[in-house]
Amino acid sequence: MNRQTNKKLNLKNDIIFKTFFSRKGNEKFLIDFLNALLKIEIKKHKSIGRSKFRTINTR
């Protein structure tokens, strides 16, 4: 089996974290995450804008 196929992305990585939780359609994941972290219940949210990330070449 190819190693690349089994590679999981670590959401602790700031760029991946921001990209995942800011993506339209992932609002439920963000709300669930914040509910668990803050131990409160968020019932509705308001979108305040879109984040745009550039690819950074580290090689």
PDB file of N, CA and C in Angstrom:
ATOM      1  N   MET A   1       0.838  -1.175   0.000  1.00  0.00           N
ATOM      2  CA  MET A   1       0.000   0.000   0.000  1.00  0.00           C
ATOM      3  C   MET A   1       0.888   1.245   0.000  1.00  0.00           C
ATOM      4  N   ASN A   2       0.505   2.240  -0.736  1.00  0.00           N
ATOM      5  CA  ASN A   2       1.273   3.469  -0.869  1.00  0.00           C
ATOM      6  C   ASN A   2       1.228   4.279   0.429  1.00  0.00           C
ATOM      7  N   ARG A   3       2.380   4.747   0.875  1.00  0.00           N
ATOM      8  CA  ARG A   3       2.447   5.545   2.113  1.00  0.00           C
ATOM      9  C   ARG A   3       1.638   6.829   2.006  1.00  0.00           C
ATOM     10  N   GLN A   4       1.644   7.440   0.852  1.00  0.00           N
ATOM     11  CA  GLN A   4       0.923   8.696   0.647  1.00  0.00           C
ATOM     12  C   GLN A   4      -0.581   8.514   0.835  1.00  0.00           C
ATOM     13  N   THR A   5      -1.128   7.377   0.497  1.00  0.00           N
ATOM     14  CA  THR A   5      -2.569   7.148   0.610  1.00  0.00           C
ATOM     15  C   THR A   5      -3.008   7.116   2.062  1.00  0.00           C
ATOM     16  N   ASN A   6      -2.166   6.627   2.944  1.00  0.00           N
ATOM     17  CA  ASN A   6      -2.516   6.501   4.353  1.00  0.00           C
ATOM     18  C   ASN A   6      -2.139   7.726   5.180  1.00  0.00           C
ATOM     19  N   LYS A   7      -1.483   8.700   4.577  1.00  0.00           N
ATOM     20  CA  LYS A   7      -1.037   9.872   5.317  1.00  0.00           C
ATOM     21  C   LYS A   7      -2.240  10.700   5.747  1.00  0.00           C
ATOM     22  N   LYS A   8      -2.311  11.016   7.038  1.00  0.00           N
ATOM     23  CA  LYS A   8      -3.384  11.847   7.565  1.00  0.00           C
ATOM     24  C   LYS A   8      -2.823  13.232   7.870  1.00  0.00           C
ATOM     25  N   LEU A   9      -3.631  14.254   7.629  1.00  0.00           N
ATOM     26  CA  LEU A   9      -3.199  15.611   7.916  1.00  0.00           C
ATOM     27  C   LEU A   9      -3.489  15.927   9.381  1.00  0.00           C
ATOM     28  N   ASN A  10      -2.553  16.554  10.036  1.00  0.00           N
ATOM     29  CA  ASN A  10      -2.668  16.906  11.434  1.00  0.00           C
ATOM     30  C   ASN A  10      -3.325  18.284  11.544  1.00  0.00           C
ATOM     31  N   LEU A  11      -4.522  18.363  12.156  1.00  0.00           N
ATOM     32  CA  LEU A  11      -5.229  19.641  12.254  1.00  0.00           C
ATOM     33  C   LEU A  11      -4.557  20.615  13.214  1.00  0.00           C
ATOM     34  N   LYS A  12      -3.503  20.169  13.897  1.00  0.00           N
ATOM     35  CA  LYS A  12      -2.752  21.088  14.734  1.00  0.00           C
ATOM     36  C   LYS A  12      -1.904  22.021  13.878  1.00  0.00           C
ATOM     37  N   ASN A  13      -1.663  21.645  12.655  1.00  0.00           N
ATOM     38  CA  ASN A  13      -0.932  22.498  11.730  1.00  0.00           C
ATOM     39  C   ASN A  13      -1.816  23.712  11.439  1.00  0.00           C
ATOM     40  N   ASP A  14      -1.336  24.890  11.741  1.00  0.00           N
ATOM     41  CA  ASP A  14      -2.138  26.109  11.681  1.00  0.00           C
ATOM     42  C   ASP A  14      -2.764  26.355  10.312  1.00  0.00           C
ATOM     43  N   ILE A  15      -2.026  26.162   9.256  1.00  0.00           N
ATOM     44  CA  ILE A  15      -2.548  26.420   7.908  1.00  0.00           C
ATOM     45  C   ILE A  15      -3.681  25.448   7.589  1.00  0.00           C
ATOM     46  N   ILE A  16      -3.476  24.185   7.862  1.00  0.00           N
ATOM     47  CA  ILE A  16      -4.512  23.186   7.587  1.00  0.00           C
ATOM     48  C   ILE A  16      -5.727  23.455   8.470  1.00  0.00           C
ATOM     49  N   PHE A  17      -5.503  23.797   9.732  1.00  0.00           N
ATOM     50  CA  PHE A  17      -6.590  24.107  10.660  1.00  0.00           C
ATOM     51  C   PHE A  17      -7.437  25.258  10.121  1.00  0.00           C
ATOM     52  N   LYS A  18      -6.792  26.352   9.759  1.00  0.00           N
ATOM     53  CA  LYS A  18      -7.512  27.522   9.247  1.00  0.00           C
ATOM     54  C   LYS A  18      -8.235  27.205   7.945  1.00  0.00           C
ATOM     55  N   THR A  19      -7.562  26.489   7.062  1.00  0.00           N
ATOM     56  CA  THR A  19      -8.173  26.155   5.777  1.00  0.00           C
ATOM     57  C   THR A  19      -9.399  25.272   5.966  1.00  0.00           C
ATOM     58  N   PHE A  20      -9.294  24.262   6.808  1.00  0.00           N
ATOM     59  CA  PHE A  20     -10.415  23.346   7.036  1.00  0.00           C
ATOM     60  C   PHE A  20     -11.609  24.061   7.666  1.00  0.00           C
ATOM     61  N   PHE A  21     -11.373  24.778   8.762  1.00  0.00           N
ATOM     62  CA  PHE A  21     -12.480  25.378   9.490  1.00  0.00           C
ATOM     63  C   PHE A  21     -13.038  26.629   8.832  1.00  0.00           C
ATOM     64  N   SER A  22     -12.310  27.259   7.918  1.00  0.00           N
ATOM     65  CA  SER A  22     -12.829  28.453   7.252  1.00  0.00           C
ATOM     66  C   SER A  22     -13.513  28.133   5.925  1.00  0.00           C
ATOM     67  N   ARG A  23     -13.417  26.897   5.486  1.00  0.00           N
ATOM     68  CA  ARG A  23     -14.014  26.503   4.204  1.00  0.00           C
ATOM     69  C   ARG A  23     -15.534  26.486   4.293  1.00  0.00           C
ATOM     70  N   LYS A  24     -16.166  27.109   3.303  1.00  0.00           N
ATOM     71  CA  LYS A  24     -17.624  27.124   3.263  1.00  0.00           C
ATOM     72  C   LYS A  24     -18.128  25.680   3.205  1.00  0.00           C
ATOM     73  N   GLY A  25     -19.109  25.370   4.029  1.00  0.00           N
ATOM     74  CA  GLY A  25     -19.636  24.012   4.109  1.00  0.00           C
ATOM     75  C   GLY A  25     -19.131  23.271   5.333  1.00  0.00           C
ATOM     76  N   ASN A  26     -18.089  23.796   5.985  1.00  0.00           N
ATOM     77  CA  ASN A  26     -17.529  23.156   7.183  1.00  0.00           C
ATOM     78  C   ASN A  26     -17.945  23.878   8.463  1.00  0.00           C
ATOM     79  N   GLU A  27     -18.973  24.717   8.376  1.00  0.00           N
ATOM     80  CA  GLU A  27     -19.415  25.475   9.540  1.00  0.00           C
ATOM     81  C   GLU A  27     -19.817  24.563  10.699  1.00  0.00           C
ATOM     82  N   LYS A  28     -20.451  23.447  10.400  1.00  0.00           N
ATOM     83  CA  LYS A  28     -20.877  22.513  11.446  1.00  0.00           C
ATOM     84  C   LYS A  28     -19.674  21.983  12.231  1.00  0.00           C
ATOM     85  N   PHE A  29     -18.587  21.686  11.522  1.00  0.00           N
ATOM     86  CA  PHE A  29     -17.375  21.195  12.197  1.00  0.00           C
ATOM     87  C   PHE A  29     -16.805  22.271  13.117  1.00  0.00           C
ATOM     88  N   LEU A  30     -16.798  23.518  12.642  1.00  0.00           N
ATOM     89  CA  LEU A  30     -16.279  24.616  13.454  1.00  0.00           C
ATOM     90  C   LEU A  30     -17.136  24.821  14.695  1.00  0.00           C
ATOM     91  N   ILE A  31     -18.446  24.809  14.530  1.00  0.00           N
ATOM     92  CA  ILE A  31     -19.357  24.982  15.666  1.00  0.00           C
ATOM     93  C   ILE A  31     -19.193  23.840  16.664  1.00  0.00           C
ATOM     94  N   ASP A  32     -19.112  22.602  16.183  1.00  0.00           N
ATOM     95  CA  ASP A  32     -18.905  21.452  17.081  1.00  0.00           C
ATOM     96  C   ASP A  32     -17.591  21.577  17.839  1.00  0.00           C
ATOM     97  N   PHE A  33     -16.534  22.004  17.147  1.00  0.00           N
ATOM     98  CA  PHE A  33     -15.226  22.178  17.761  1.00  0.00           C
ATOM     99  C   PHE A  33     -15.289  23.245  18.858  1.00  0.00           C
ATOM    100  N   LEU A  34     -15.889  24.394  18.541  1.00  0.00           N
ATOM    101  CA  LEU A  34     -15.975  25.473  19.520  1.00  0.00           C
ATOM    102  C   LEU A  34     -16.859  25.095  20.703  1.00  0.00           C
ATOM    103  N   ASN A  35     -17.954  24.394  20.448  1.00  0.00           N
ATOM    104  CA  ASN A  35     -18.821  23.926  21.539  1.00  0.00           C
ATOM    105  C   ASN A  35     -18.036  23.041  22.503  1.00  0.00           C
ATOM    106  N   ALA A  36     -17.259  22.127  21.979  1.00  0.00           N
ATOM    107  CA  ALA A  36     -16.476  21.213  22.821  1.00  0.00           C
ATOM    108  C   ALA A  36     -15.363  21.961  23.559  1.00  0.00           C
ATOM    109  N   LEU A  37     -14.699  22.861  22.867  1.00  0.00           N
ATOM    110  CA  LEU A  37     -13.580  23.589  23.458  1.00  0.00           C
ATOM    111  C   LEU A  37     -14.039  24.571  24.532  1.00  0.00           C
ATOM    112  N   LEU A  38     -15.100  25.311  24.237  1.00  0.00           N
ATOM    113  CA  LEU A  38     -15.563  26.358  25.146  1.00  0.00           C
ATOM    114  C   LEU A  38     -16.615  25.880  26.144  1.00  0.00           C
ATOM    115  N   LYS A  39     -17.109  24.662  25.921  1.00  0.00           N
ATOM    116  CA  LYS A  39     -18.145  24.075  26.776  1.00  0.00           C
ATOM    117  C   LYS A  39     -19.385  24.968  26.863  1.00  0.00           C
ATOM    118  N   ILE A  40     -19.783  25.460  25.683  1.00  0.00           N
ATOM    119  CA  ILE A  40     -21.014  26.240  25.555  1.00  0.00           C
ATOM    120  C   ILE A  40     -21.762  25.711  24.338  1.00  0.00           C
ATOM    121  N   GLU A  41     -22.983  26.165  24.138  1.00  0.00           N
ATOM    122  CA  GLU A  41     -23.725  25.732  22.966  1.00  0.00           C
ATOM    123  C   GLU A  41     -23.935  26.918  22.036  1.00  0.00           C
ATOM    124  N   ILE A  42     -23.326  26.859  20.875  1.00  0.00           N
ATOM    125  CA  ILE A  42     -23.498  27.880  19.856  1.00  0.00           C
ATOM    126  C   ILE A  42     -24.669  27.443  18.993  1.00  0.00           C
ATOM    127  N   LYS A  43     -25.671  28.292  18.881  1.00  0.00           N
ATOM    128  CA  LYS A  43     -26.870  27.921  18.136  1.00  0.00           C
ATOM    129  C   LYS A  43     -26.897  28.492  16.726  1.00  0.00           C
ATOM    130  N   LYS A  44     -26.285  29.650  16.526  1.00  0.00           N
ATOM    131  CA  LYS A  44     -26.223  30.208  15.180  1.00  0.00           C
ATOM    132  C   LYS A  44     -24.917  30.977  15.029  1.00  0.00           C
ATOM    133  N   HIS A  45     -24.558  31.234  13.799  1.00  0.00           N
ATOM    134  CA  HIS A  45     -23.309  31.928  13.532  1.00  0.00           C
ATOM    135  C   HIS A  45     -23.524  32.945  12.421  1.00  0.00           C
ATOM    136  N   LYS A  46     -22.596  33.868  12.323  1.00  0.00           N
ATOM    137  CA  LYS A  46     -22.629  34.868  11.264  1.00  0.00           C
ATOM    138  C   LYS A  46     -21.274  34.844  10.576  1.00  0.00           C
ATOM    139  N   SER A  47     -21.297  34.681   9.285  1.00  0.00           N
ATOM    140  CA  SER A  47     -20.060  34.676   8.518  1.00  0.00           C
ATOM    141  C   SER A  47     -19.580  36.110   8.364  1.00  0.00           C
ATOM    142  N   ILE A  48     -18.297  36.362   8.675  1.00  0.00           N
ATOM    143  CA  ILE A  48     -17.778  37.723   8.595  1.00  0.00           C
ATOM    144  C   ILE A  48     -16.794  37.915   7.451  1.00  0.00           C
ATOM    145  N   GLY A  49     -16.580  36.906   6.665  1.00  0.00           N
ATOM    146  CA  GLY A  49     -15.663  37.040   5.541  1.00  0.00           C
ATOM    147  C   GLY A  49     -14.975  35.740   5.216  1.00  0.00           C
ATOM    148  N   ARG A  50     -14.304  35.746   4.104  1.00  0.00           N
ATOM    149  CA  ARG A  50     -13.603  34.545   3.643  1.00  0.00           C
ATOM    150  C   ARG A  50     -12.105  34.756   3.775  1.00  0.00           C
ATOM    151  N   SER A  51     -11.410  33.726   4.239  1.00  0.00           N
ATOM    152  CA  SER A  51      -9.954  33.761   4.301  1.00  0.00           C
ATOM    153  C   SER A  51      -9.399  33.181   3.012  1.00  0.00           C
ATOM    154  N   LYS A  52      -8.309  33.727   2.561  1.00  0.00           N
ATOM    155  CA  LYS A  52      -7.649  33.201   1.373  1.00  0.00           C
ATOM    156  C   LYS A  52      -6.206  32.891   1.746  1.00  0.00           C
ATOM    157  N   PHE A  53      -5.794  31.683   1.425  1.00  0.00           N
ATOM    158  CA  PHE A  53      -4.447  31.249   1.758  1.00  0.00           C
ATOM    159  C   PHE A  53      -3.676  30.958   0.482  1.00  0.00           C
ATOM    160  N   ARG A  54      -2.426  31.344   0.505  1.00  0.00           N
ATOM    161  CA  ARG A  54      -1.558  31.064  -0.621  1.00  0.00           C
ATOM    162  C   ARG A  54      -0.738  29.813  -0.299  1.00  0.00           C
ATOM    163  N   THR A  55      -0.335  29.123  -1.338  1.00  0.00           N
ATOM    164  CA  THR A  55       0.548  27.978  -1.148  1.00  0.00           C
ATOM    165  C   THR A  55       1.949  28.482  -0.884  1.00  0.00           C
ATOM    166  N   ILE A  56       2.582  27.921   0.110  1.00  0.00           N
ATOM    167  CA  ILE A  56       3.949  28.300   0.455  1.00  0.00           C
ATOM    168  C   ILE A  56       4.874  27.148   0.119  1.00  0.00           C
ATOM    169  N   ASN A  57       5.861  27.416  -0.712  1.00  0.00           N
ATOM    170  CA  ASN A  57       6.829  26.391  -1.103  1.00  0.00           C
ATOM    171  C   ASN A  57       7.941  26.381  -0.073  1.00  0.00           C
ATOM    172  N   THR A  58       8.075  25.282   0.671  1.00  0.00           N
ATOM    173  CA  THR A  58       9.084  25.192   1.718  1.00  0.00           C
ATOM    174  C   THR A  58      10.333  24.442   1.281  1.00  0.00           C
ATOM    175  N   ARG A  59      10.402  24.049   0.052  1.00  0.00           N
ATOM    176  CA  ARG A  59      11.571  23.305  -0.416  1.00  0.00           C
ATOM    177  C   ARG A  59      12.564  24.185  -1.086  1.00  0.00           C
TER     178      ARG A  59
END
